[in-house]
Amino acid sequence: MESREEIGLSIKEFHSAGGEDLILLHCVSGYPTPVEQSNLQRIPRLAAQFGYPVGLSDHTLGIEVAIASVALGACLIEKHFTLCRADGGPDAAFSLERDELAQLVVGTKAAFAALGTGAAGRAAVEQASMAFRRSLYVVRDVAKGEVFTTDNVRIIRPGYGLPPKELPKVLGRRAARAACRGDRLSWDLIA
């Protein structure tokens, strides 16, 4: 429930007291917190504003919000725990039992693994799917020096040759070496 200024003051006090390692926790102080009031978008904003890793202190029912927080950068999750919700207590309604905590651990690990690196490119699992893409292939034997035409080059499957968008650049050019029917077209075949 702190304002930006109060968070800044808390950080300053933490460091002046000798604190070194700090993780901020986004928390909505509703007991329990309705899912739609979780405001998880605040996690990356807090990280950007203050330059510290941010976690979640979660008071929602269930594990879904905590798992979702990982996708927004939460590096730590604080969740109430009870051995038996039926025993009661002030936080029993939104506390996790043992099996739910185990599901939370599995779910957050999966969410974190799913984030990946953000790098462009094909995932390893997509390599087999290349067979379903189309690309340029030699469809009739071509002698060295022969001109590539629509009679000897086509857009077909699999997708291991040049991309189809390169066809206009290939047509009318000559073969740098002999190519056989079924050879995928690559720039080193084109003179």
N, C-alpha and C. Protein backbone atom coordinates (compact mmCIF):
# COMPACT_ATOMS: atom_id res chain seq x y z
N MET A 1 0.82 -1.20 0.00
CA MET A 1 0.00 0.00 0.00
C MET A 1 0.87 1.26 0.00
N GLU A 2 2.19 1.11 -0.11
CA GLU A 2 3.08 2.27 -0.10
C GLU A 2 3.04 3.01 -1.42
N SER A 3 3.25 4.32 -1.34
CA SER A 3 3.39 5.14 -2.54
C SER A 3 4.81 4.98 -3.07
N ARG A 4 5.03 5.53 -4.25
CA ARG A 4 6.37 5.47 -4.84
C ARG A 4 7.39 6.14 -3.91
N GLU A 5 7.00 7.26 -3.34
CA GLU A 5 7.90 7.98 -2.44
C GLU A 5 8.21 7.15 -1.20
N GLU A 6 7.19 6.50 -0.65
CA GLU A 6 7.40 5.68 0.54
C GLU A 6 8.31 4.49 0.25
N ILE A 7 8.15 3.89 -0.94
CA ILE A 7 9.02 2.78 -1.33
C ILE A 7 10.46 3.28 -1.42
N GLY A 8 10.65 4.44 -2.05
CA GLY A 8 11.99 5.03 -2.15
C GLY A 8 12.60 5.27 -0.79
N LEU A 9 11.81 5.77 0.15
CA LEU A 9 12.29 6.03 1.51
C LEU A 9 12.64 4.71 2.21
N SER A 10 11.82 3.69 2.02
CA SER A 10 12.10 2.38 2.62
C SER A 10 13.42 1.82 2.10
N ILE A 11 13.66 1.97 0.81
CA ILE A 11 14.91 1.49 0.20
C ILE A 11 16.09 2.25 0.80
N LYS A 12 15.93 3.56 0.93
CA LYS A 12 17.00 4.38 1.51
C LYS A 12 17.30 3.95 2.94
N GLU A 13 16.27 3.71 3.73
CA GLU A 13 16.45 3.28 5.12
C GLU A 13 17.11 1.91 5.18
N PHE A 14 16.72 1.03 4.27
CA PHE A 14 17.30 -0.31 4.20
C PHE A 14 18.82 -0.22 4.01
N HIS A 15 19.23 0.60 3.05
CA HIS A 15 20.66 0.73 2.77
C HIS A 15 21.40 1.45 3.90
N SER A 16 20.76 2.46 4.51
CA SER A 16 21.43 3.18 5.59
C SER A 16 21.60 2.30 6.84
N ALA A 17 20.79 1.25 6.94
CA ALA A 17 20.91 0.31 8.05
C ALA A 17 21.88 -0.82 7.73
N GLY A 18 22.55 -0.73 6.57
CA GLY A 18 23.54 -1.74 6.20
C GLY A 18 23.03 -2.83 5.28
N GLY A 19 21.78 -2.72 4.85
CA GLY A 19 21.22 -3.72 3.95
C GLY A 19 21.92 -3.72 2.59
N GLU A 20 22.07 -4.89 2.01
CA GLU A 20 22.74 -5.00 0.71
C GLU A 20 21.84 -5.63 -0.35
N ASP A 21 21.40 -6.85 -0.12
CA ASP A 21 20.58 -7.55 -1.11
C ASP A 21 19.12 -7.27 -0.84
N LEU A 22 18.40 -6.85 -1.89
CA LEU A 22 17.02 -6.42 -1.71
C LEU A 22 16.15 -6.94 -2.85
N ILE A 23 15.02 -7.48 -2.49
CA ILE A 23 13.97 -7.83 -3.45
C ILE A 23 12.71 -7.12 -2.99
N LEU A 24 12.10 -6.36 -3.88
CA LEU A 24 10.82 -5.73 -3.57
C LEU A 24 9.71 -6.74 -3.81
N LEU A 25 8.66 -6.68 -3.02
CA LEU A 25 7.51 -7.56 -3.22
C LEU A 25 6.28 -6.73 -3.55
N HIS A 26 5.67 -7.04 -4.69
CA HIS A 26 4.37 -6.45 -5.01
C HIS A 26 3.33 -7.17 -4.16
N CYS A 27 2.47 -6.43 -3.50
CA CYS A 27 1.48 -7.04 -2.63
C CYS A 27 0.20 -6.21 -2.66
N VAL A 28 -0.92 -6.89 -2.82
CA VAL A 28 -2.23 -6.26 -2.63
C VAL A 28 -2.74 -6.78 -1.30
N SER A 29 -2.98 -5.86 -0.38
CA SER A 29 -3.35 -6.26 0.98
C SER A 29 -4.84 -6.47 1.14
N GLY A 30 -5.37 -7.41 0.39
CA GLY A 30 -6.74 -7.86 0.53
C GLY A 30 -6.69 -9.31 0.95
N TYR A 31 -7.52 -9.71 1.89
CA TYR A 31 -7.39 -11.04 2.48
C TYR A 31 -8.71 -11.79 2.44
N PRO A 32 -9.01 -12.49 1.36
CA PRO A 32 -8.17 -12.73 0.19
C PRO A 32 -8.29 -11.59 -0.83
N THR A 33 -7.35 -11.56 -1.77
CA THR A 33 -7.36 -10.58 -2.85
C THR A 33 -8.11 -11.17 -4.03
N PRO A 34 -9.13 -10.46 -4.56
CA PRO A 34 -9.78 -10.93 -5.78
C PRO A 34 -8.77 -10.96 -6.94
N VAL A 35 -8.82 -11.98 -7.75
CA VAL A 35 -7.87 -12.15 -8.85
C VAL A 35 -7.80 -10.89 -9.70
N GLU A 36 -8.95 -10.33 -10.04
CA GLU A 36 -8.98 -9.18 -10.94
C GLU A 36 -8.40 -7.91 -10.31
N GLN A 37 -8.08 -7.94 -9.03
CA GLN A 37 -7.44 -6.80 -8.38
C GLN A 37 -5.96 -7.05 -8.08
N SER A 38 -5.41 -8.09 -8.64
CA SER A 38 -4.02 -8.46 -8.38
C SER A 38 -3.00 -7.48 -8.97
N ASN A 39 -3.34 -6.84 -10.07
CA ASN A 39 -2.49 -5.80 -10.68
C ASN A 39 -1.05 -6.27 -10.90
N LEU A 40 -0.90 -7.42 -11.52
CA LEU A 40 0.43 -7.98 -11.74
C LEU A 40 1.31 -7.11 -12.64
N GLN A 41 0.70 -6.24 -13.45
CA GLN A 41 1.49 -5.36 -14.31
C GLN A 41 2.39 -4.44 -13.48
N ARG A 42 2.13 -4.33 -12.22
CA ARG A 42 2.97 -3.49 -11.35
C ARG A 42 4.34 -4.12 -11.14
N ILE A 43 4.47 -5.41 -11.32
CA ILE A 43 5.76 -6.08 -11.10
C ILE A 43 6.85 -5.52 -12.02
N PRO A 44 6.66 -5.51 -13.34
CA PRO A 44 7.73 -4.94 -14.18
C PRO A 44 7.89 -3.43 -13.98
N ARG A 45 6.82 -2.75 -13.62
CA ARG A 45 6.93 -1.31 -13.37
C ARG A 45 7.78 -1.02 -12.14
N LEU A 46 7.58 -1.78 -11.07
CA LEU A 46 8.40 -1.60 -9.87
C LEU A 46 9.86 -1.88 -10.18
N ALA A 47 10.12 -2.92 -10.96
CA ALA A 47 11.50 -3.26 -11.32
C ALA A 47 12.14 -2.13 -12.11
N ALA A 48 11.38 -1.57 -13.05
CA ALA A 48 11.91 -0.47 -13.87
C ALA A 48 12.11 0.81 -13.05
N GLN A 49 11.19 1.09 -12.17
CA GLN A 49 11.26 2.32 -11.38
C GLN A 49 12.39 2.31 -10.37
N PHE A 50 12.63 1.16 -9.73
CA PHE A 50 13.57 1.13 -8.62
C PHE A 50 14.85 0.36 -8.90
N GLY A 51 14.88 -0.41 -9.98
CA GLY A 51 16.10 -1.12 -10.34
C GLY A 51 16.43 -2.32 -9.46
N TYR A 52 15.42 -2.88 -8.82
CA TYR A 52 15.62 -4.07 -7.99
C TYR A 52 14.76 -5.20 -8.52
N PRO A 53 15.16 -6.45 -8.25
CA PRO A 53 14.28 -7.56 -8.60
C PRO A 53 12.98 -7.45 -7.78
N VAL A 54 11.90 -7.95 -8.39
CA VAL A 54 10.59 -7.84 -7.75
C VAL A 54 9.94 -9.21 -7.67
N GLY A 55 9.33 -9.49 -6.54
CA GLY A 55 8.58 -10.72 -6.34
C GLY A 55 7.13 -10.40 -6.06
N LEU A 56 6.39 -11.41 -5.64
CA LEU A 56 4.96 -11.24 -5.37
C LEU A 56 4.64 -11.81 -3.99
N SER A 57 3.97 -11.02 -3.19
CA SER A 57 3.36 -11.49 -1.95
C SER A 57 1.89 -11.68 -2.29
N ASP A 58 1.48 -12.92 -2.45
CA ASP A 58 0.17 -13.23 -3.04
C ASP A 58 -0.85 -13.66 -1.99
N HIS A 59 -2.00 -13.00 -2.02
CA HIS A 59 -3.08 -13.36 -1.10
C HIS A 59 -4.34 -13.79 -1.84
N THR A 60 -4.20 -14.17 -3.11
CA THR A 60 -5.35 -14.68 -3.86
C THR A 60 -5.60 -16.13 -3.46
N LEU A 61 -6.78 -16.61 -3.80
CA LEU A 61 -7.08 -18.03 -3.62
C LEU A 61 -6.45 -18.79 -4.77
N GLY A 62 -5.87 -19.92 -4.51
CA GLY A 62 -5.30 -20.73 -5.58
C GLY A 62 -3.88 -20.33 -5.93
N ILE A 63 -3.40 -20.89 -7.05
CA ILE A 63 -2.01 -20.71 -7.46
C ILE A 63 -1.84 -19.99 -8.79
N GLU A 64 -2.94 -19.72 -9.47
CA GLU A 64 -2.86 -19.18 -10.83
C GLU A 64 -2.18 -17.81 -10.89
N VAL A 65 -2.54 -16.92 -9.99
CA VAL A 65 -1.96 -15.57 -10.01
C VAL A 65 -0.46 -15.64 -9.76
N ALA A 66 -0.04 -16.45 -8.82
CA ALA A 66 1.39 -16.58 -8.52
C ALA A 66 2.14 -17.11 -9.73
N ILE A 67 1.58 -18.10 -10.41
CA ILE A 67 2.23 -18.63 -11.62
C ILE A 67 2.29 -17.57 -12.70
N ALA A 68 1.21 -16.83 -12.89
CA ALA A 68 1.18 -15.77 -13.91
C ALA A 68 2.22 -14.69 -13.61
N SER A 69 2.50 -14.44 -12.35
CA SER A 69 3.45 -13.39 -11.99
C SER A 69 4.85 -13.68 -12.53
N VAL A 70 5.18 -14.94 -12.68
CA VAL A 70 6.50 -15.31 -13.21
C VAL A 70 6.68 -14.76 -14.62
N ALA A 71 5.62 -14.78 -15.41
CA ALA A 71 5.70 -14.27 -16.78
C ALA A 71 5.96 -12.78 -16.82
N LEU A 72 5.68 -12.09 -15.72
CA LEU A 72 5.91 -10.65 -15.66
C LEU A 72 7.18 -10.31 -14.88
N GLY A 73 7.97 -11.31 -14.56
CA GLY A 73 9.27 -11.07 -13.97
C GLY A 73 9.40 -11.35 -12.49
N ALA A 74 8.35 -11.84 -11.84
CA ALA A 74 8.47 -12.12 -10.40
C ALA A 74 9.58 -13.14 -10.18
N CYS A 75 10.50 -12.81 -9.28
CA CYS A 75 11.65 -13.68 -9.01
C CYS A 75 11.49 -14.42 -7.69
N LEU A 76 10.44 -14.10 -6.95
CA LEU A 76 10.19 -14.72 -5.65
C LEU A 76 8.69 -14.68 -5.42
N ILE A 77 8.16 -15.73 -4.82
CA ILE A 77 6.74 -15.75 -4.50
C ILE A 77 6.59 -16.08 -3.02
N GLU A 78 5.83 -15.23 -2.34
CA GLU A 78 5.49 -15.47 -0.94
C GLU A 78 4.02 -15.81 -0.91
N LYS A 79 3.70 -16.94 -0.31
CA LYS A 79 2.32 -17.42 -0.26
C LYS A 79 2.11 -18.03 1.13
N HIS A 80 0.96 -17.81 1.72
CA HIS A 80 0.66 -18.40 3.04
C HIS A 80 0.49 -19.90 2.89
N PHE A 81 0.91 -20.63 3.91
CA PHE A 81 0.89 -22.09 3.88
C PHE A 81 0.25 -22.60 5.17
N THR A 82 -0.53 -23.69 5.04
CA THR A 82 -1.11 -24.36 6.20
C THR A 82 -1.06 -25.87 5.98
N LEU A 83 -0.91 -26.59 7.06
CA LEU A 83 -0.93 -28.05 6.94
C LEU A 83 -2.35 -28.54 6.67
N CYS A 84 -3.35 -27.82 7.19
CA CYS A 84 -4.74 -28.23 6.99
C CYS A 84 -5.65 -27.00 7.06
N ARG A 85 -6.21 -26.61 5.94
CA ARG A 85 -7.07 -25.44 5.87
C ARG A 85 -8.27 -25.57 6.81
N ALA A 86 -8.74 -26.79 6.98
CA ALA A 86 -9.91 -27.04 7.84
C ALA A 86 -9.64 -26.72 9.30
N ASP A 87 -8.38 -26.63 9.69
CA ASP A 87 -8.05 -26.27 11.07
C ASP A 87 -8.43 -24.83 11.39
N GLY A 88 -8.64 -24.03 10.35
CA GLY A 88 -9.05 -22.64 10.54
C GLY A 88 -7.88 -21.72 10.81
N GLY A 89 -8.22 -20.50 11.14
CA GLY A 89 -7.21 -19.47 11.39
C GLY A 89 -7.49 -18.26 10.51
N PRO A 90 -6.90 -17.12 10.83
CA PRO A 90 -7.20 -15.89 10.11
C PRO A 90 -6.81 -15.91 8.64
N ASP A 91 -5.81 -16.69 8.27
CA ASP A 91 -5.39 -16.72 6.87
C ASP A 91 -5.63 -18.09 6.21
N ALA A 92 -6.39 -18.94 6.85
CA ALA A 92 -6.61 -20.29 6.33
C ALA A 92 -7.26 -20.29 4.95
N ALA A 93 -8.20 -19.38 4.70
CA ALA A 93 -8.95 -19.37 3.44
C ALA A 93 -8.05 -19.19 2.23
N PHE A 94 -7.00 -18.40 2.36
CA PHE A 94 -6.14 -18.14 1.19
C PHE A 94 -4.75 -18.78 1.35
N SER A 95 -4.61 -19.68 2.30
CA SER A 95 -3.36 -20.41 2.47
C SER A 95 -3.36 -21.67 1.61
N LEU A 96 -2.20 -22.08 1.19
CA LEU A 96 -2.06 -23.31 0.41
C LEU A 96 -1.79 -24.49 1.33
N GLU A 97 -2.34 -25.63 0.94
CA GLU A 97 -1.99 -26.88 1.60
C GLU A 97 -0.84 -27.52 0.83
N ARG A 98 -0.30 -28.60 1.40
CA ARG A 98 0.91 -29.23 0.86
C ARG A 98 0.82 -29.54 -0.64
N ASP A 99 -0.26 -30.19 -1.09
CA ASP A 99 -0.37 -30.56 -2.51
C ASP A 99 -0.47 -29.33 -3.40
N GLU A 100 -1.12 -28.27 -2.92
CA GLU A 100 -1.22 -27.03 -3.70
C GLU A 100 0.14 -26.34 -3.80
N LEU A 101 0.90 -26.37 -2.71
CA LEU A 101 2.24 -25.80 -2.74
C LEU A 101 3.11 -26.54 -3.75
N ALA A 102 2.98 -27.85 -3.78
CA ALA A 102 3.74 -28.65 -4.75
C ALA A 102 3.34 -28.28 -6.18
N GLN A 103 2.04 -28.07 -6.41
CA GLN A 103 1.56 -27.65 -7.74
C GLN A 103 2.09 -26.26 -8.08
N LEU A 104 2.16 -25.38 -7.10
CA LEU A 104 2.71 -24.04 -7.32
C LEU A 104 4.17 -24.13 -7.75
N VAL A 105 4.94 -24.96 -7.09
CA VAL A 105 6.35 -25.12 -7.44
C VAL A 105 6.48 -25.63 -8.89
N VAL A 106 5.71 -26.65 -9.24
CA VAL A 106 5.76 -27.20 -10.59
C VAL A 106 5.33 -26.13 -11.61
N GLY A 107 4.24 -25.44 -11.30
CA GLY A 107 3.71 -24.43 -12.22
C GLY A 107 4.65 -23.26 -12.43
N THR A 108 5.28 -22.77 -11.36
CA THR A 108 6.19 -21.64 -11.52
C THR A 108 7.46 -22.05 -12.26
N LYS A 109 7.93 -23.26 -12.02
CA LYS A 109 9.10 -23.73 -12.77
C LYS A 109 8.77 -23.84 -14.26
N ALA A 110 7.58 -24.34 -14.57
CA ALA A 110 7.17 -24.44 -15.98
C ALA A 110 7.01 -23.05 -16.60
N ALA A 111 6.41 -22.13 -15.88
CA ALA A 111 6.24 -20.76 -16.40
C ALA A 111 7.59 -20.12 -16.65
N PHE A 112 8.53 -20.31 -15.73
CA PHE A 112 9.86 -19.73 -15.91
C PHE A 112 10.56 -20.36 -17.11
N ALA A 113 10.47 -21.67 -17.25
CA ALA A 113 11.09 -22.35 -18.38
C ALA A 113 10.48 -21.89 -19.71
N ALA A 114 9.18 -21.61 -19.70
CA ALA A 114 8.50 -21.18 -20.92
C ALA A 114 8.92 -19.79 -21.37
N LEU A 115 9.48 -18.99 -20.48
CA LEU A 115 9.90 -17.63 -20.86
C LEU A 115 10.98 -17.65 -21.93
N GLY A 116 11.87 -18.62 -21.87
CA GLY A 116 12.95 -18.67 -22.85
C GLY A 116 13.86 -17.47 -22.74
N THR A 117 14.56 -17.18 -23.83
CA THR A 117 15.51 -16.07 -23.85
C THR A 117 14.98 -14.86 -24.59
N GLY A 118 13.95 -15.04 -25.37
CA GLY A 118 13.44 -13.94 -26.18
C GLY A 118 14.18 -13.77 -27.50
N ALA A 119 15.19 -14.59 -27.71
CA ALA A 119 15.97 -14.50 -28.95
C ALA A 119 15.11 -14.94 -30.14
N ALA A 120 15.31 -14.28 -31.25
CA ALA A 120 14.62 -14.66 -32.48
C ALA A 120 15.20 -15.97 -33.01
N GLY A 121 14.43 -16.68 -33.76
CA GLY A 121 14.90 -17.92 -34.36
C GLY A 121 13.98 -19.07 -34.03
N ARG A 122 14.23 -20.17 -34.66
CA ARG A 122 13.40 -21.35 -34.48
C ARG A 122 13.80 -22.10 -33.22
N ALA A 123 12.80 -22.59 -32.53
CA ALA A 123 13.04 -23.47 -31.39
C ALA A 123 13.47 -24.83 -31.92
N ALA A 124 14.22 -25.56 -31.13
CA ALA A 124 14.70 -26.88 -31.55
C ALA A 124 13.56 -27.79 -31.96
N VAL A 125 12.43 -27.69 -31.27
CA VAL A 125 11.29 -28.54 -31.56
C VAL A 125 10.70 -28.25 -32.95
N GLU A 126 10.99 -27.08 -33.50
CA GLU A 126 10.45 -26.71 -34.81
C GLU A 126 11.22 -27.31 -35.98
N GLN A 127 12.41 -27.84 -35.74
CA GLN A 127 13.22 -28.35 -36.83
C GLN A 127 12.47 -29.40 -37.65
N ALA A 128 11.76 -30.29 -37.01
CA ALA A 128 11.02 -31.33 -37.74
C ALA A 128 9.90 -30.72 -38.58
N SER A 129 9.38 -29.58 -38.16
CA SER A 129 8.30 -28.93 -38.90
C SER A 129 8.77 -28.23 -40.16
N MET A 130 10.07 -28.09 -40.33
CA MET A 130 10.59 -27.47 -41.55
C MET A 130 10.13 -28.25 -42.79
N ALA A 131 9.89 -29.52 -42.63
CA ALA A 131 9.43 -30.34 -43.75
C ALA A 131 8.09 -29.85 -44.29
N PHE A 132 7.32 -29.14 -43.48
CA PHE A 132 6.00 -28.69 -43.91
C PHE A 132 6.02 -27.31 -44.55
N ARG A 133 7.16 -26.63 -44.49
CA ARG A 133 7.29 -25.33 -45.15
C ARG A 133 7.63 -25.55 -46.61
N ARG A 134 7.48 -24.53 -47.39
CA ARG A 134 7.84 -24.60 -48.80
C ARG A 134 9.13 -23.83 -49.03
N SER A 135 9.87 -24.23 -50.06
CA SER A 135 11.09 -23.54 -50.43
C SER A 135 11.43 -23.88 -51.88
N LEU A 136 12.53 -23.34 -52.35
CA LEU A 136 12.91 -23.53 -53.75
C LEU A 136 13.75 -24.79 -53.92
N TYR A 137 13.33 -25.61 -54.90
CA TYR A 137 14.03 -26.86 -55.23
C TYR A 137 14.20 -26.98 -56.72
N VAL A 138 15.27 -27.65 -57.11
CA VAL A 138 15.49 -28.01 -58.51
C VAL A 138 14.57 -29.18 -58.81
N VAL A 139 13.72 -29.05 -59.85
CA VAL A 139 12.75 -30.11 -60.17
C VAL A 139 13.09 -30.84 -61.47
N ARG A 140 14.16 -30.39 -62.14
CA ARG A 140 14.67 -31.06 -63.34
C ARG A 140 16.17 -30.86 -63.35
N ASP A 141 16.93 -31.89 -63.72
CA ASP A 141 18.39 -31.78 -63.74
C ASP A 141 18.81 -30.51 -64.49
N VAL A 142 19.83 -29.84 -63.95
CA VAL A 142 20.33 -28.59 -64.53
C VAL A 142 21.83 -28.72 -64.70
N ALA A 143 22.30 -28.38 -65.89
CA ALA A 143 23.73 -28.43 -66.17
C ALA A 143 24.39 -27.13 -65.70
N LYS A 144 25.69 -27.20 -65.46
CA LYS A 144 26.44 -26.01 -65.09
C LYS A 144 26.26 -24.97 -66.19
N GLY A 145 25.92 -23.73 -65.81
CA GLY A 145 25.73 -22.65 -66.77
C GLY A 145 24.31 -22.53 -67.30
N GLU A 146 23.48 -23.54 -67.08
CA GLU A 146 22.09 -23.49 -67.56
C GLU A 146 21.31 -22.44 -66.77
N VAL A 147 20.34 -21.82 -67.43
CA VAL A 147 19.51 -20.78 -66.81
C VAL A 147 18.42 -21.43 -65.95
N PHE A 148 18.21 -20.85 -64.78
CA PHE A 148 17.10 -21.30 -63.93
C PHE A 148 15.80 -20.69 -64.44
N THR A 149 14.79 -21.56 -64.61
CA THR A 149 13.48 -21.14 -65.13
C THR A 149 12.39 -21.78 -64.28
N THR A 150 11.15 -21.45 -64.60
CA THR A 150 10.03 -22.07 -63.89
C THR A 150 9.87 -23.54 -64.28
N ASP A 151 10.60 -23.98 -65.30
CA ASP A 151 10.56 -25.40 -65.67
C ASP A 151 11.51 -26.25 -64.82
N ASN A 152 12.57 -25.62 -64.28
CA ASN A 152 13.53 -26.42 -63.51
C ASN A 152 13.65 -26.02 -62.04
N VAL A 153 12.93 -24.98 -61.62
CA VAL A 153 12.91 -24.56 -60.21
C VAL A 153 11.46 -24.36 -59.81
N ARG A 154 11.08 -24.90 -58.66
CA ARG A 154 9.71 -24.74 -58.17
C ARG A 154 9.71 -24.51 -56.66
N ILE A 155 8.56 -24.01 -56.21
CA ILE A 155 8.33 -23.84 -54.77
C ILE A 155 7.59 -25.09 -54.31
N ILE A 156 8.28 -25.91 -53.52
CA ILE A 156 7.70 -27.17 -53.05
C ILE A 156 8.13 -27.41 -51.61
N ARG A 157 7.64 -28.50 -51.05
CA ARG A 157 8.09 -28.93 -49.73
C ARG A 157 9.25 -29.91 -49.92
N PRO A 158 10.15 -30.00 -48.97
CA PRO A 158 10.22 -29.38 -47.65
C PRO A 158 10.84 -27.99 -47.71
N GLY A 159 10.99 -27.37 -46.56
CA GLY A 159 11.44 -25.99 -46.48
C GLY A 159 12.93 -25.83 -46.24
N TYR A 160 13.75 -26.66 -46.83
CA TYR A 160 15.19 -26.59 -46.56
C TYR A 160 15.96 -25.79 -47.62
N GLY A 161 15.28 -25.38 -48.67
CA GLY A 161 15.94 -24.58 -49.71
C GLY A 161 15.76 -23.09 -49.45
N LEU A 162 16.04 -22.28 -50.48
CA LEU A 162 15.85 -20.84 -50.34
C LEU A 162 14.37 -20.53 -50.13
N PRO A 163 14.05 -19.47 -49.42
CA PRO A 163 12.65 -19.10 -49.21
C PRO A 163 11.95 -18.77 -50.54
N PRO A 164 10.66 -19.02 -50.65
CA PRO A 164 9.92 -18.75 -51.88
C PRO A 164 10.04 -17.31 -52.37
N LYS A 165 10.21 -16.35 -51.46
CA LYS A 165 10.31 -14.95 -51.87
C LYS A 165 11.54 -14.69 -52.74
N GLU A 166 12.50 -15.61 -52.75
CA GLU A 166 13.73 -15.43 -53.54
C GLU A 166 13.58 -15.89 -54.99
N LEU A 167 12.45 -16.49 -55.35
CA LEU A 167 12.27 -17.00 -56.71
C LEU A 167 12.53 -15.94 -57.78
N PRO A 168 11.99 -14.73 -57.67
CA PRO A 168 12.27 -13.73 -58.71
C PRO A 168 13.77 -13.41 -58.87
N LYS A 169 14.54 -13.51 -57.80
CA LYS A 169 15.98 -13.25 -57.88
C LYS A 169 16.73 -14.41 -58.52
N VAL A 170 16.14 -15.60 -58.47
CA VAL A 170 16.79 -16.81 -58.99
C VAL A 170 16.52 -16.98 -60.48
N LEU A 171 15.27 -16.73 -60.89
CA LEU A 171 14.90 -16.94 -62.30
C LEU A 171 15.73 -16.06 -63.22
N GLY A 172 16.27 -16.69 -64.29
CA GLY A 172 17.11 -15.97 -65.24
C GLY A 172 18.59 -16.03 -64.91
N ARG A 173 18.93 -16.45 -63.72
CA ARG A 173 20.35 -16.60 -63.35
C ARG A 173 20.82 -17.99 -63.77
N ARG A 174 22.11 -18.17 -63.81
CA ARG A 174 22.69 -19.43 -64.28
C ARG A 174 23.18 -20.29 -63.11
N ALA A 175 23.23 -21.58 -63.38
CA ALA A 175 23.70 -22.55 -62.39
C ALA A 175 25.22 -22.46 -62.26
N ALA A 176 25.72 -22.32 -61.05
CA ALA A 176 27.16 -22.25 -60.80
C ALA A 176 27.80 -23.62 -60.98
N ARG A 177 27.01 -24.67 -60.84
CA ARG A 177 27.48 -26.05 -61.03
C ARG A 177 26.25 -26.89 -61.37
N ALA A 178 26.46 -28.09 -61.76
CA ALA A 178 25.35 -28.98 -62.10
C ALA A 178 24.54 -29.27 -60.85
N ALA A 179 23.22 -29.38 -61.03
CA ALA A 179 22.32 -29.71 -59.92
C ALA A 179 21.35 -30.77 -60.39
N CYS A 180 21.01 -31.67 -59.51
CA CYS A 180 20.11 -32.77 -59.83
C CYS A 180 18.69 -32.47 -59.37
N ARG A 181 17.76 -33.10 -60.03
CA ARG A 181 16.36 -33.03 -59.61
C ARG A 181 16.28 -33.43 -58.14
N GLY A 182 15.62 -32.60 -57.31
CA GLY A 182 15.50 -32.88 -55.89
C GLY A 182 16.49 -32.13 -55.03
N ASP A 183 17.48 -31.46 -55.66
CA ASP A 183 18.42 -30.66 -54.87
C ASP A 183 17.72 -29.39 -54.38
N ARG A 184 17.95 -29.07 -53.14
CA ARG A 184 17.42 -27.80 -52.64
C ARG A 184 18.26 -26.68 -53.21
N LEU A 185 17.62 -25.58 -53.52
CA LEU A 185 18.31 -24.44 -54.10
C LEU A 185 18.96 -23.61 -52.99
N SER A 186 20.22 -23.29 -53.18
CA SER A 186 20.95 -22.44 -52.24
C SER A 186 21.75 -21.45 -53.06
N TRP A 187 22.20 -20.37 -52.43
CA TRP A 187 22.90 -19.32 -53.18
C TRP A 187 24.19 -19.82 -53.80
N ASP A 188 24.83 -20.83 -53.23
CA ASP A 188 26.07 -21.33 -53.82
C ASP A 188 25.83 -22.10 -55.12
N LEU A 189 24.57 -22.44 -55.45
CA LEU A 189 24.25 -23.09 -56.74
C LEU A 189 24.00 -22.06 -57.83
N ILE A 190 23.95 -20.79 -57.46
CA ILE A 190 23.55 -19.75 -58.40
C ILE A 190 24.75 -18.87 -58.72
N ALA A 191 25.00 -18.73 -60.04
CA ALA A 191 26.13 -17.91 -60.49
C ALA A 191 25.72 -16.46 -60.59
